[in-house]
């Protein structure tokens, strides 16, 4: 039953990696805009 067992392990590993990747992508979507805004926002006057 090794092949079926490997298939099951591989599926669980892929499922977990996919879930982690989805969470990461969701977190980074919001974070990227904040970081990029802080690093690239144009100034409106000399003091700013």
ModelCIF file with pLDDT and N, C-alpha, C, O atoms, coordinates in Angstrom:
data_MODEL
#
_entry.id   MODEL 
#
_entity.id                         1 
_entity.type                       polymer 
_entity.pdbx_number_of_molecules   1 
#
_entity_poly.entity_id                      1 
_entity_poly.type                           'polypeptide(L)' 
_entity_poly.nstd_linkage                   no 
_entity_poly.nstd_monomer                   no 
_entity_poly.pdbx_seq_one_letter_code       
;(UNK)(UNK)(UNK)(UNK)(UNK)(UNK)(UNK)(UNK)(UNK)(UNK)(UNK)(UNK)(UNK)(UNK)(UNK)(UNK)
(UNK)(UNK)(UNK)(UNK)(UNK)(UNK)(UNK)(UNK)(UNK)(UNK)(UNK)(UNK)(UNK)(UNK)(UNK)(UNK)
(UNK)(UNK)(UNK)(UNK)(UNK)(UNK)(UNK)(UNK)(UNK)(UNK)(UNK)(UNK)(UNK)(UNK)(UNK)(UNK)
;
_entity_poly.pdbx_seq_one_letter_code_can   XXXXXXXXXXXXXXXXXXXXXXXXXXXXXXXXXXXXXXXXXXXXXXXX 
_entity_poly.pdbx_strand_id                 A 
#
loop_
_entity_poly_seq.entity_id 
_entity_poly_seq.num 
_entity_poly_seq.mon_id 
_entity_poly_seq.hetero 
1 1  UNK n 
1 2  UNK n 
1 3  UNK n 
1 4  UNK n 
1 5  UNK n 
1 6  UNK n 
1 7  UNK n 
1 8  UNK n 
1 9  UNK n 
1 10 UNK n 
1 11 UNK n 
1 12 UNK n 
1 13 UNK n 
1 14 UNK n 
1 15 UNK n 
1 16 UNK n 
1 17 UNK n 
1 18 UNK n 
1 19 UNK n 
1 20 UNK n 
1 21 UNK n 
1 22 UNK n 
1 23 UNK n 
1 24 UNK n 
1 25 UNK n 
1 26 UNK n 
1 27 UNK n 
1 28 UNK n 
1 29 UNK n 
1 30 UNK n 
1 31 UNK n 
1 32 UNK n 
1 33 UNK n 
1 34 UNK n 
1 35 UNK n 
1 36 UNK n 
1 37 UNK n 
1 38 UNK n 
1 39 UNK n 
1 40 UNK n 
1 41 UNK n 
1 42 UNK n 
1 43 UNK n 
1 44 UNK n 
1 45 UNK n 
1 46 UNK n 
1 47 UNK n 
1 48 UNK n 
#
_struct_asym.id          A 
_struct_asym.entity_id   1 
#
loop_
_ma_qa_metric.id 
_ma_qa_metric.mode 
_ma_qa_metric.name 
_ma_qa_metric.software_group_id 
_ma_qa_metric.type 
1 global pLDDT . pLDDT 
2 local  pLDDT . pLDDT 
#
_ma_qa_metric_global.metric_id      1 
_ma_qa_metric_global.metric_value   72.60 
_ma_qa_metric_global.model_id       1 
_ma_qa_metric_global.ordinal_id     1 
#
loop_
_ma_qa_metric_local.label_asym_id 
_ma_qa_metric_local.label_comp_id 
_ma_qa_metric_local.label_seq_id 
_ma_qa_metric_local.metric_id 
_ma_qa_metric_local.metric_value 
_ma_qa_metric_local.model_id 
_ma_qa_metric_local.ordinal_id 
A UNK 1  2 91.00 1 1  
A UNK 2  2 92.00 1 2  
A UNK 3  2 89.00 1 3  
A UNK 4  2 86.00 1 4  
A UNK 5  2 93.00 1 5  
A UNK 6  2 94.00 1 6  
A UNK 7  2 87.00 1 7  
A UNK 8  2 88.00 1 8  
A UNK 9  2 93.00 1 9  
A UNK 10 2 90.00 1 10 
A UNK 11 2 87.00 1 11 
A UNK 12 2 87.00 1 12 
A UNK 13 2 92.00 1 13 
A UNK 14 2 88.00 1 14 
A UNK 15 2 83.00 1 15 
A UNK 16 2 87.00 1 16 
A UNK 17 2 89.00 1 17 
A UNK 18 2 84.00 1 18 
A UNK 19 2 80.00 1 19 
A UNK 20 2 84.00 1 20 
A UNK 21 2 82.00 1 21 
A UNK 22 2 77.00 1 22 
A UNK 23 2 75.00 1 23 
A UNK 24 2 74.00 1 24 
A UNK 25 2 73.00 1 25 
A UNK 26 2 69.00 1 26 
A UNK 27 2 64.00 1 27 
A UNK 28 2 65.00 1 28 
A UNK 29 2 64.00 1 29 
A UNK 30 2 54.00 1 30 
A UNK 31 2 53.00 1 31 
A UNK 32 2 54.00 1 32 
A UNK 33 2 52.00 1 33 
A UNK 34 2 49.00 1 34 
A UNK 35 2 54.00 1 35 
A UNK 36 2 55.00 1 36 
A UNK 37 2 53.00 1 37 
A UNK 38 2 52.00 1 38 
A UNK 39 2 51.00 1 39 
A UNK 40 2 52.00 1 40 
A UNK 41 2 51.00 1 41 
A UNK 42 2 54.00 1 42 
A UNK 43 2 52.00 1 43 
A UNK 44 2 62.00 1 44 
A UNK 45 2 67.00 1 45 
A UNK 46 2 70.00 1 46 
A UNK 47 2 72.00 1 47 
A UNK 48 2 71.00 1 48 
#
loop_
_atom_site.group_PDB 
_atom_site.id 
_atom_site.type_symbol 
_atom_site.label_atom_id 
_atom_site.label_alt_id 
_atom_site.label_comp_id 
_atom_site.label_asym_id 
_atom_site.label_entity_id 
_atom_site.label_seq_id 
_atom_site.pdbx_PDB_ins_code 
_atom_site.Cartn_x 
_atom_site.Cartn_y 
_atom_site.Cartn_z 
_atom_site.occupancy 
_atom_site.B_iso_or_equiv 
_atom_site.pdbx_formal_charge 
_atom_site.auth_seq_id 
_atom_site.auth_comp_id 
_atom_site.auth_asym_id 
_atom_site.auth_atom_id 
_atom_site.pdbx_PDB_model_num 
ATOM 1   N N  . UNK A 1 1  ? 0.810  -1.220 0.000  1.00 91.00 ? 1  UNK A N  1 
ATOM 2   C CA . UNK A 1 1  ? 0.000  0.000  0.000  1.00 91.00 ? 1  UNK A CA 1 
ATOM 3   C C  . UNK A 1 1  ? 0.846  1.274  0.000  1.00 91.00 ? 1  UNK A C  1 
ATOM 4   O O  . UNK A 1 1  ? 0.329  2.367  0.230  1.00 91.00 ? 1  UNK A O  1 
ATOM 5   N N  . UNK A 1 2  ? 2.127  1.132  -0.254 1.00 92.00 ? 2  UNK A N  1 
ATOM 6   C CA . UNK A 1 2  ? 3.034  2.276  -0.176 1.00 92.00 ? 2  UNK A CA 1 
ATOM 7   C C  . UNK A 1 2  ? 2.619  3.429  -1.089 1.00 92.00 ? 2  UNK A C  1 
ATOM 8   O O  . UNK A 1 2  ? 2.692  4.585  -0.674 1.00 92.00 ? 2  UNK A O  1 
ATOM 9   N N  . UNK A 1 3  ? 2.191  3.151  -2.302 1.00 89.00 ? 3  UNK A N  1 
ATOM 10  C CA . UNK A 1 3  ? 1.853  4.223  -3.244 1.00 89.00 ? 3  UNK A CA 1 
ATOM 11  C C  . UNK A 1 3  ? 0.631  4.996  -2.744 1.00 89.00 ? 3  UNK A C  1 
ATOM 12  O O  . UNK A 1 3  ? 0.619  6.226  -2.780 1.00 89.00 ? 3  UNK A O  1 
ATOM 13  N N  . UNK A 1 4  ? -0.384 4.289  -2.282 1.00 86.00 ? 4  UNK A N  1 
ATOM 14  C CA . UNK A 1 4  ? -1.568 4.960  -1.742 1.00 86.00 ? 4  UNK A CA 1 
ATOM 15  C C  . UNK A 1 4  ? -1.202 5.762  -0.497 1.00 86.00 ? 4  UNK A C  1 
ATOM 16  O O  . UNK A 1 4  ? -1.716 6.860  -0.284 1.00 86.00 ? 4  UNK A O  1 
ATOM 17  N N  . UNK A 1 5  ? -0.327 5.216  0.307  1.00 93.00 ? 5  UNK A N  1 
ATOM 18  C CA . UNK A 1 5  ? 0.123  5.893  1.526  1.00 93.00 ? 5  UNK A CA 1 
ATOM 19  C C  . UNK A 1 5  ? 0.887  7.166  1.171  1.00 93.00 ? 5  UNK A C  1 
ATOM 20  O O  . UNK A 1 5  ? 0.660  8.217  1.771  1.00 93.00 ? 5  UNK A O  1 
ATOM 21  N N  . UNK A 1 6  ? 1.791  7.074  0.199  1.00 94.00 ? 6  UNK A N  1 
ATOM 22  C CA . UNK A 1 6  ? 2.527  8.263  -0.260 1.00 94.00 ? 6  UNK A CA 1 
ATOM 23  C C  . UNK A 1 6  ? 1.569  9.309  -0.835 1.00 94.00 ? 6  UNK A C  1 
ATOM 24  O O  . UNK A 1 6  ? 1.731  10.507 -0.598 1.00 94.00 ? 6  UNK A O  1 
ATOM 25  N N  . UNK A 1 7  ? 0.573  8.847  -1.592 1.00 87.00 ? 7  UNK A N  1 
ATOM 26  C CA . UNK A 1 7  ? -0.415 9.774  -2.151 1.00 87.00 ? 7  UNK A CA 1 
ATOM 27  C C  . UNK A 1 7  ? -1.129 10.536 -1.038 1.00 87.00 ? 7  UNK A C  1 
ATOM 28  O O  . UNK A 1 7  ? -1.347 11.743 -1.141 1.00 87.00 ? 7  UNK A O  1 
ATOM 29  N N  . UNK A 1 8  ? -1.485 9.831  0.007  1.00 88.00 ? 8  UNK A N  1 
ATOM 30  C CA . UNK A 1 8  ? -2.191 10.447 1.124  1.00 88.00 ? 8  UNK A CA 1 
ATOM 31  C C  . UNK A 1 8  ? -1.292 11.471 1.832  1.00 88.00 ? 8  UNK A C  1 
ATOM 32  O O  . UNK A 1 8  ? -1.733 12.575 2.152  1.00 88.00 ? 8  UNK A O  1 
ATOM 33  N N  . UNK A 1 9  ? -0.049 11.099 2.068  1.00 93.00 ? 9  UNK A N  1 
ATOM 34  C CA . UNK A 1 9  ? 0.892  12.020 2.713  1.00 93.00 ? 9  UNK A CA 1 
ATOM 35  C C  . UNK A 1 9  ? 1.083  13.255 1.841  1.00 93.00 ? 9  UNK A C  1 
ATOM 36  O O  . UNK A 1 9  ? 1.033  14.385 2.327  1.00 93.00 ? 9  UNK A O  1 
ATOM 37  N N  . UNK A 1 10 ? 1.303  13.028 0.549  1.00 90.00 ? 10 UNK A N  1 
ATOM 38  C CA . UNK A 1 10 ? 1.541  14.135 -0.378 1.00 90.00 ? 10 UNK A CA 1 
ATOM 39  C C  . UNK A 1 10 ? 0.333  15.068 -0.423 1.00 90.00 ? 10 UNK A C  1 
ATOM 40  O O  . UNK A 1 10 ? 0.489  16.289 -0.433 1.00 90.00 ? 10 UNK A O  1 
ATOM 41  N N  . UNK A 1 11 ? -0.852 14.503 -0.449 1.00 87.00 ? 11 UNK A N  1 
ATOM 42  C CA . UNK A 1 11 ? -2.053 15.339 -0.462 1.00 87.00 ? 11 UNK A CA 1 
ATOM 43  C C  . UNK A 1 11 ? -2.131 16.209 0.786  1.00 87.00 ? 11 UNK A C  1 
ATOM 44  O O  . UNK A 1 11 ? -2.397 17.407 0.693  1.00 87.00 ? 11 UNK A O  1 
ATOM 45  N N  . UNK A 1 12 ? -1.902 15.616 1.943  1.00 87.00 ? 12 UNK A N  1 
ATOM 46  C CA . UNK A 1 12 ? -1.986 16.384 3.194  1.00 87.00 ? 12 UNK A CA 1 
ATOM 47  C C  . UNK A 1 12 ? -0.929 17.480 3.244  1.00 87.00 ? 12 UNK A C  1 
ATOM 48  O O  . UNK A 1 12 ? -1.205 18.598 3.679  1.00 87.00 ? 12 UNK A O  1 
ATOM 49  N N  . UNK A 1 13 ? 0.269  17.158 2.802  1.00 92.00 ? 13 UNK A N  1 
ATOM 50  C CA . UNK A 1 13 ? 1.345  18.157 2.777  1.00 92.00 ? 13 UNK A CA 1 
ATOM 51  C C  . UNK A 1 13 ? 0.970  19.299 1.828  1.00 92.00 ? 13 UNK A C  1 
ATOM 52  O O  . UNK A 1 13 ? 1.120  20.471 2.174  1.00 92.00 ? 13 UNK A O  1 
ATOM 53  N N  . UNK A 1 14 ? 0.484  18.957 0.637  1.00 88.00 ? 14 UNK A N  1 
ATOM 54  C CA . UNK A 1 14 ? 0.095  19.986 -0.342 1.00 88.00 ? 14 UNK A CA 1 
ATOM 55  C C  . UNK A 1 14 ? -1.055 20.834 0.184  1.00 88.00 ? 14 UNK A C  1 
ATOM 56  O O  . UNK A 1 14 ? -1.058 22.055 0.030  1.00 88.00 ? 14 UNK A O  1 
ATOM 57  N N  . UNK A 1 15 ? -2.012 20.191 0.793  1.00 83.00 ? 15 UNK A N  1 
ATOM 58  C CA . UNK A 1 15 ? -3.155 20.922 1.346  1.00 83.00 ? 15 UNK A CA 1 
ATOM 59  C C  . UNK A 1 15 ? -2.682 21.937 2.382  1.00 83.00 ? 15 UNK A C  1 
ATOM 60  O O  . UNK A 1 15 ? -3.100 23.095 2.359  1.00 83.00 ? 15 UNK A O  1 
ATOM 61  N N  . UNK A 1 16 ? -1.806 21.500 3.291  1.00 87.00 ? 16 UNK A N  1 
ATOM 62  C CA . UNK A 1 16 ? -1.293 22.400 4.324  1.00 87.00 ? 16 UNK A CA 1 
ATOM 63  C C  . UNK A 1 16 ? -0.469 23.530 3.728  1.00 87.00 ? 16 UNK A C  1 
ATOM 64  O O  . UNK A 1 16 ? -0.600 24.680 4.146  1.00 87.00 ? 16 UNK A O  1 
ATOM 65  N N  . UNK A 1 17 ? 0.375  23.214 2.758  1.00 89.00 ? 17 UNK A N  1 
ATOM 66  C CA . UNK A 1 17 ? 1.171  24.256 2.103  1.00 89.00 ? 17 UNK A CA 1 
ATOM 67  C C  . UNK A 1 17 ? 0.280  25.256 1.372  1.00 89.00 ? 17 UNK A C  1 
ATOM 68  O O  . UNK A 1 17 ? 0.535  26.460 1.398  1.00 89.00 ? 17 UNK A O  1 
ATOM 69  N N  . UNK A 1 18 ? -0.759 24.754 0.725  1.00 84.00 ? 18 UNK A N  1 
ATOM 70  C CA . UNK A 1 18 ? -1.675 25.632 -0.005 1.00 84.00 ? 18 UNK A CA 1 
ATOM 71  C C  . UNK A 1 18 ? -2.407 26.569 0.959  1.00 84.00 ? 18 UNK A C  1 
ATOM 72  O O  . UNK A 1 18 ? -2.562 27.756 0.675  1.00 84.00 ? 18 UNK A O  1 
ATOM 73  N N  . UNK A 1 19 ? -2.849 26.043 2.078  1.00 80.00 ? 19 UNK A N  1 
ATOM 74  C CA . UNK A 1 19 ? -3.524 26.879 3.079  1.00 80.00 ? 19 UNK A CA 1 
ATOM 75  C C  . UNK A 1 19 ? -2.587 27.945 3.620  1.00 80.00 ? 19 UNK A C  1 
ATOM 76  O O  . UNK A 1 19 ? -2.978 29.103 3.766  1.00 80.00 ? 19 UNK A O  1 
ATOM 77  N N  . UNK A 1 20 ? -1.344 27.558 3.920  1.00 84.00 ? 20 UNK A N  1 
ATOM 78  C CA . UNK A 1 20 ? -0.362 28.520 4.409  1.00 84.00 ? 20 UNK A CA 1 
ATOM 79  C C  . UNK A 1 20 ? -0.115 29.604 3.361  1.00 84.00 ? 20 UNK A C  1 
ATOM 80  O O  . UNK A 1 20 ? -0.017 30.788 3.683  1.00 84.00 ? 20 UNK A O  1 
ATOM 81  N N  . UNK A 1 21 ? -0.017 29.178 2.104  1.00 82.00 ? 21 UNK A N  1 
ATOM 82  C CA . UNK A 1 21 ? 0.227  30.123 1.014  1.00 82.00 ? 21 UNK A CA 1 
ATOM 83  C C  . UNK A 1 21 ? -0.937 31.094 0.865  1.00 82.00 ? 21 UNK A C  1 
ATOM 84  O O  . UNK A 1 21 ? -0.721 32.286 0.645  1.00 82.00 ? 21 UNK A O  1 
ATOM 85  N N  . UNK A 1 22 ? -2.160 30.605 0.981  1.00 77.00 ? 22 UNK A N  1 
ATOM 86  C CA . UNK A 1 22 ? -3.333 31.480 0.880  1.00 77.00 ? 22 UNK A CA 1 
ATOM 87  C C  . UNK A 1 22 ? -3.345 32.506 2.004  1.00 77.00 ? 22 UNK A C  1 
ATOM 88  O O  . UNK A 1 22 ? -3.604 33.686 1.766  1.00 77.00 ? 22 UNK A O  1 
ATOM 89  N N  . UNK A 1 23 ? -3.067 32.066 3.226  1.00 75.00 ? 23 UNK A N  1 
ATOM 90  C CA . UNK A 1 23 ? -3.019 32.996 4.356  1.00 75.00 ? 23 UNK A CA 1 
ATOM 91  C C  . UNK A 1 23 ? -1.922 34.025 4.151  1.00 75.00 ? 23 UNK A C  1 
ATOM 92  O O  . UNK A 1 23 ? -2.118 35.215 4.396  1.00 75.00 ? 23 UNK A O  1 
ATOM 93  N N  . UNK A 1 24 ? -0.770 33.559 3.701  1.00 74.00 ? 24 UNK A N  1 
ATOM 94  C CA . UNK A 1 24 ? 0.364  34.451 3.443  1.00 74.00 ? 24 UNK A CA 1 
ATOM 95  C C  . UNK A 1 24 ? -0.013 35.491 2.393  1.00 74.00 ? 24 UNK A C  1 
ATOM 96  O O  . UNK A 1 24 ? 0.254  36.679 2.575  1.00 74.00 ? 24 UNK A O  1 
ATOM 97  N N  . UNK A 1 25 ? -0.627 35.058 1.301  1.00 73.00 ? 25 UNK A N  1 
ATOM 98  C CA . UNK A 1 25 ? -1.015 35.977 0.231  1.00 73.00 ? 25 UNK A CA 1 
ATOM 99  C C  . UNK A 1 25 ? -2.025 37.003 0.736  1.00 73.00 ? 25 UNK A C  1 
ATOM 100 O O  . UNK A 1 25 ? -1.940 38.177 0.376  1.00 73.00 ? 25 UNK A O  1 
ATOM 101 N N  . UNK A 1 26 ? -2.972 36.582 1.558  1.00 69.00 ? 26 UNK A N  1 
ATOM 102 C CA . UNK A 1 26 ? -3.963 37.506 2.107  1.00 69.00 ? 26 UNK A CA 1 
ATOM 103 C C  . UNK A 1 26 ? -3.309 38.531 3.027  1.00 69.00 ? 26 UNK A C  1 
ATOM 104 O O  . UNK A 1 26 ? -3.629 39.718 2.970  1.00 69.00 ? 26 UNK A O  1 
ATOM 105 N N  . UNK A 1 27 ? -2.393 38.068 3.874  1.00 64.00 ? 27 UNK A N  1 
ATOM 106 C CA . UNK A 1 27 ? -1.705 38.981 4.781  1.00 64.00 ? 27 UNK A CA 1 
ATOM 107 C C  . UNK A 1 27 ? -0.848 39.974 4.012  1.00 64.00 ? 27 UNK A C  1 
ATOM 108 O O  . UNK A 1 27 ? -0.822 41.164 4.326  1.00 64.00 ? 27 UNK A O  1 
ATOM 109 N N  . UNK A 1 28 ? -0.151 39.475 3.005  1.00 65.00 ? 28 UNK A N  1 
ATOM 110 C CA . UNK A 1 28 ? 0.785  40.321 2.273  1.00 65.00 ? 28 UNK A CA 1 
ATOM 111 C C  . UNK A 1 28 ? 0.093  41.314 1.357  1.00 65.00 ? 28 UNK A C  1 
ATOM 112 O O  . UNK A 1 28 ? 0.659  42.367 1.064  1.00 65.00 ? 28 UNK A O  1 
ATOM 113 N N  . UNK A 1 29 ? -1.104 41.013 0.898  1.00 64.00 ? 29 UNK A N  1 
ATOM 114 C CA . UNK A 1 29 ? -1.817 41.944 0.027  1.00 64.00 ? 29 UNK A CA 1 
ATOM 115 C C  . UNK A 1 29 ? -2.033 43.261 0.755  1.00 64.00 ? 29 UNK A C  1 
ATOM 116 O O  . UNK A 1 29 ? -1.773 44.327 0.199  1.00 64.00 ? 29 UNK A O  1 
ATOM 117 N N  . UNK A 1 30 ? -2.504 43.197 1.986  1.00 54.00 ? 30 UNK A N  1 
ATOM 118 C CA . UNK A 1 30 ? -2.711 44.410 2.761  1.00 54.00 ? 30 UNK A CA 1 
ATOM 119 C C  . UNK A 1 30 ? -1.411 45.039 3.194  1.00 54.00 ? 30 UNK A C  1 
ATOM 120 O O  . UNK A 1 30 ? -1.282 46.263 3.192  1.00 54.00 ? 30 UNK A O  1 
ATOM 121 N N  . UNK A 1 31 ? -0.444 44.221 3.565  1.00 53.00 ? 31 UNK A N  1 
ATOM 122 C CA . UNK A 1 31 ? 0.818  44.744 4.078  1.00 53.00 ? 31 UNK A CA 1 
ATOM 123 C C  . UNK A 1 31 ? 1.636  45.411 2.983  1.00 53.00 ? 31 UNK A C  1 
ATOM 124 O O  . UNK A 1 31 ? 2.255  46.448 3.222  1.00 53.00 ? 31 UNK A O  1 
ATOM 125 N N  . UNK A 1 32 ? 1.649  44.832 1.783  1.00 54.00 ? 32 UNK A N  1 
ATOM 126 C CA . UNK A 1 32 ? 2.415  45.414 0.677  1.00 54.00 ? 32 UNK A CA 1 
ATOM 127 C C  . UNK A 1 32 ? 1.987  46.840 0.398  1.00 54.00 ? 32 UNK A C  1 
ATOM 128 O O  . UNK A 1 32 ? 2.831  47.711 0.184  1.00 54.00 ? 32 UNK A O  1 
ATOM 129 N N  . UNK A 1 33 ? 0.687  47.090 0.397  1.00 52.00 ? 33 UNK A N  1 
ATOM 130 C CA . UNK A 1 33 ? 0.211  48.437 0.085  1.00 52.00 ? 33 UNK A CA 1 
ATOM 131 C C  . UNK A 1 33 ? 0.646  49.428 1.167  1.00 52.00 ? 33 UNK A C  1 
ATOM 132 O O  . UNK A 1 33 ? 0.973  50.574 0.856  1.00 52.00 ? 33 UNK A O  1 
ATOM 133 N N  . UNK A 1 34 ? 0.655  48.998 2.438  1.00 49.00 ? 34 UNK A N  1 
ATOM 134 C CA . UNK A 1 34 ? 1.080  49.883 3.519  1.00 49.00 ? 34 UNK A CA 1 
ATOM 135 C C  . UNK A 1 34 ? 2.573  50.176 3.412  1.00 49.00 ? 34 UNK A C  1 
ATOM 136 O O  . UNK A 1 34 ? 2.983  51.335 3.480  1.00 49.00 ? 34 UNK A O  1 
ATOM 137 N N  . UNK A 1 35 ? 3.388  49.137 3.245  1.00 54.00 ? 35 UNK A N  1 
ATOM 138 C CA . UNK A 1 35 ? 4.841  49.326 3.157  1.00 54.00 ? 35 UNK A CA 1 
ATOM 139 C C  . UNK A 1 35 ? 5.196  50.150 1.935  1.00 54.00 ? 35 UNK A C  1 
ATOM 140 O O  . UNK A 1 35 ? 5.992  51.084 2.029  1.00 54.00 ? 35 UNK A O  1 
ATOM 141 N N  . UNK A 1 36 ? 4.618  49.819 0.786  1.00 55.00 ? 36 UNK A N  1 
ATOM 142 C CA . UNK A 1 36 ? 4.932  50.573 -0.425 1.00 55.00 ? 36 UNK A CA 1 
ATOM 143 C C  . UNK A 1 36 ? 4.485  52.013 -0.290 1.00 55.00 ? 36 UNK A C  1 
ATOM 144 O O  . UNK A 1 36 ? 5.151  52.921 -0.787 1.00 55.00 ? 36 UNK A O  1 
ATOM 145 N N  . UNK A 1 37 ? 3.361  52.232 0.380  1.00 53.00 ? 37 UNK A N  1 
ATOM 146 C CA . UNK A 1 37 ? 2.899  53.599 0.605  1.00 53.00 ? 37 UNK A CA 1 
ATOM 147 C C  . UNK A 1 37 ? 3.867  54.373 1.482  1.00 53.00 ? 37 UNK A C  1 
ATOM 148 O O  . UNK A 1 37 ? 4.121  55.552 1.233  1.00 53.00 ? 37 UNK A O  1 
ATOM 149 N N  . UNK A 1 38 ? 4.416  53.719 2.513  1.00 52.00 ? 38 UNK A N  1 
ATOM 150 C CA . UNK A 1 38 ? 5.375  54.384 3.389  1.00 52.00 ? 38 UNK A CA 1 
ATOM 151 C C  . UNK A 1 38 ? 6.684  54.670 2.660  1.00 52.00 ? 38 UNK A C  1 
ATOM 152 O O  . UNK A 1 38 ? 7.308  55.708 2.882  1.00 52.00 ? 38 UNK A O  1 
ATOM 153 N N  . UNK A 1 39 ? 7.097  53.756 1.797  1.00 51.00 ? 39 UNK A N  1 
ATOM 154 C CA . UNK A 1 39 ? 8.383  53.913 1.135  1.00 51.00 ? 39 UNK A CA 1 
ATOM 155 C C  . UNK A 1 39 ? 8.324  54.795 -0.109 1.00 51.00 ? 39 UNK A C  1 
ATOM 156 O O  . UNK A 1 39 ? 9.347  55.341 -0.521 1.00 51.00 ? 39 UNK A O  1 
ATOM 157 N N  . UNK A 1 40 ? 7.141  54.945 -0.717 1.00 52.00 ? 40 UNK A N  1 
ATOM 158 C CA . UNK A 1 40 ? 7.073  55.622 -2.008 1.00 52.00 ? 40 UNK A CA 1 
ATOM 159 C C  . UNK A 1 40 ? 6.083  56.785 -2.073 1.00 52.00 ? 40 UNK A C  1 
ATOM 160 O O  . UNK A 1 40 ? 5.841  57.321 -3.155 1.00 52.00 ? 40 UNK A O  1 
ATOM 161 N N  . UNK A 1 41 ? 5.509  57.185 -0.942 1.00 51.00 ? 41 UNK A N  1 
ATOM 162 C CA . UNK A 1 41 ? 4.505  58.250 -0.981 1.00 51.00 ? 41 UNK A CA 1 
ATOM 163 C C  . UNK A 1 41 ? 5.163  59.595 -1.320 1.00 51.00 ? 41 UNK A C  1 
ATOM 164 O O  . UNK A 1 41 ? 6.172  59.950 -0.711 1.00 51.00 ? 41 UNK A O  1 
ATOM 165 N N  . UNK A 1 42 ? 4.610  60.347 -2.280 1.00 54.00 ? 42 UNK A N  1 
ATOM 166 C CA . UNK A 1 42 ? 5.191  61.645 -2.622 1.00 54.00 ? 42 UNK A CA 1 
ATOM 167 C C  . UNK A 1 42 ? 4.857  62.690 -1.558 1.00 54.00 ? 42 UNK A C  1 
ATOM 168 O O  . UNK A 1 42 ? 3.783  62.653 -0.958 1.00 54.00 ? 42 UNK A O  1 
ATOM 169 N N  . UNK A 1 43 ? 5.783  63.621 -1.331 1.00 52.00 ? 43 UNK A N  1 
ATOM 170 C CA . UNK A 1 43 ? 5.578  64.687 -0.355 1.00 52.00 ? 43 UNK A CA 1 
ATOM 171 C C  . UNK A 1 43 ? 4.796  65.825 -0.999 1.00 52.00 ? 43 UNK A C  1 
ATOM 172 O O  . UNK A 1 43 ? 4.939  66.108 -2.188 1.00 52.00 ? 43 UNK A O  1 
ATOM 173 N N  . UNK A 1 44 ? 3.949  66.483 -0.165 1.00 62.00 ? 44 UNK A N  1 
ATOM 174 C CA . UNK A 1 44 ? 3.126  67.560 -0.713 1.00 62.00 ? 44 UNK A CA 1 
ATOM 175 C C  . UNK A 1 44 ? 3.751  68.936 -0.498 1.00 62.00 ? 44 UNK A C  1 
ATOM 176 O O  . UNK A 1 44 ? 3.427  69.864 -1.239 1.00 62.00 ? 44 UNK A O  1 
ATOM 177 N N  . UNK A 1 45 ? 4.637  69.105 0.493  1.00 67.00 ? 45 UNK A N  1 
ATOM 178 C CA . UNK A 1 45 ? 5.318  70.386 0.685  1.00 67.00 ? 45 UNK A CA 1 
ATOM 179 C C  . UNK A 1 45 ? 6.733  70.134 1.220  1.00 67.00 ? 45 UNK A C  1 
ATOM 180 O O  . UNK A 1 45 ? 7.050  69.003 1.588  1.00 67.00 ? 45 UNK A O  1 
ATOM 181 N N  . UNK A 1 46 ? 7.592  71.167 1.270  1.00 70.00 ? 46 UNK A N  1 
ATOM 182 C CA . UNK A 1 46 ? 8.989  70.960 1.685  1.00 70.00 ? 46 UNK A CA 1 
ATOM 183 C C  . UNK A 1 46 ? 9.134  70.366 3.084  1.00 70.00 ? 46 UNK A C  1 
ATOM 184 O O  . UNK A 1 46 ? 9.997  69.518 3.312  1.00 70.00 ? 46 UNK A O  1 
ATOM 185 N N  . UNK A 1 47 ? 8.299  70.805 4.013  1.00 72.00 ? 47 UNK A N  1 
ATOM 186 C CA . UNK A 1 47 ? 8.377  70.258 5.367  1.00 72.00 ? 47 UNK A CA 1 
ATOM 187 C C  . UNK A 1 47 ? 8.059  68.765 5.373  1.00 72.00 ? 47 UNK A C  1 
ATOM 188 O O  . UNK A 1 47 ? 8.749  67.974 6.015  1.00 72.00 ? 47 UNK A O  1 
ATOM 189 N N  . UNK A 1 48 ? 7.002  68.392 4.646  1.00 71.00 ? 48 UNK A N  1 
ATOM 190 C CA . UNK A 1 48 ? 6.650  66.982 4.539  1.00 71.00 ? 48 UNK A CA 1 
ATOM 191 C C  . UNK A 1 48 ? 7.759  66.191 3.845  1.00 71.00 ? 48 UNK A C  1 
ATOM 192 O O  . UNK A 1 48 ? 7.633  64.979 3.666  1.00 71.00 ? 48 UNK A O  1 
#
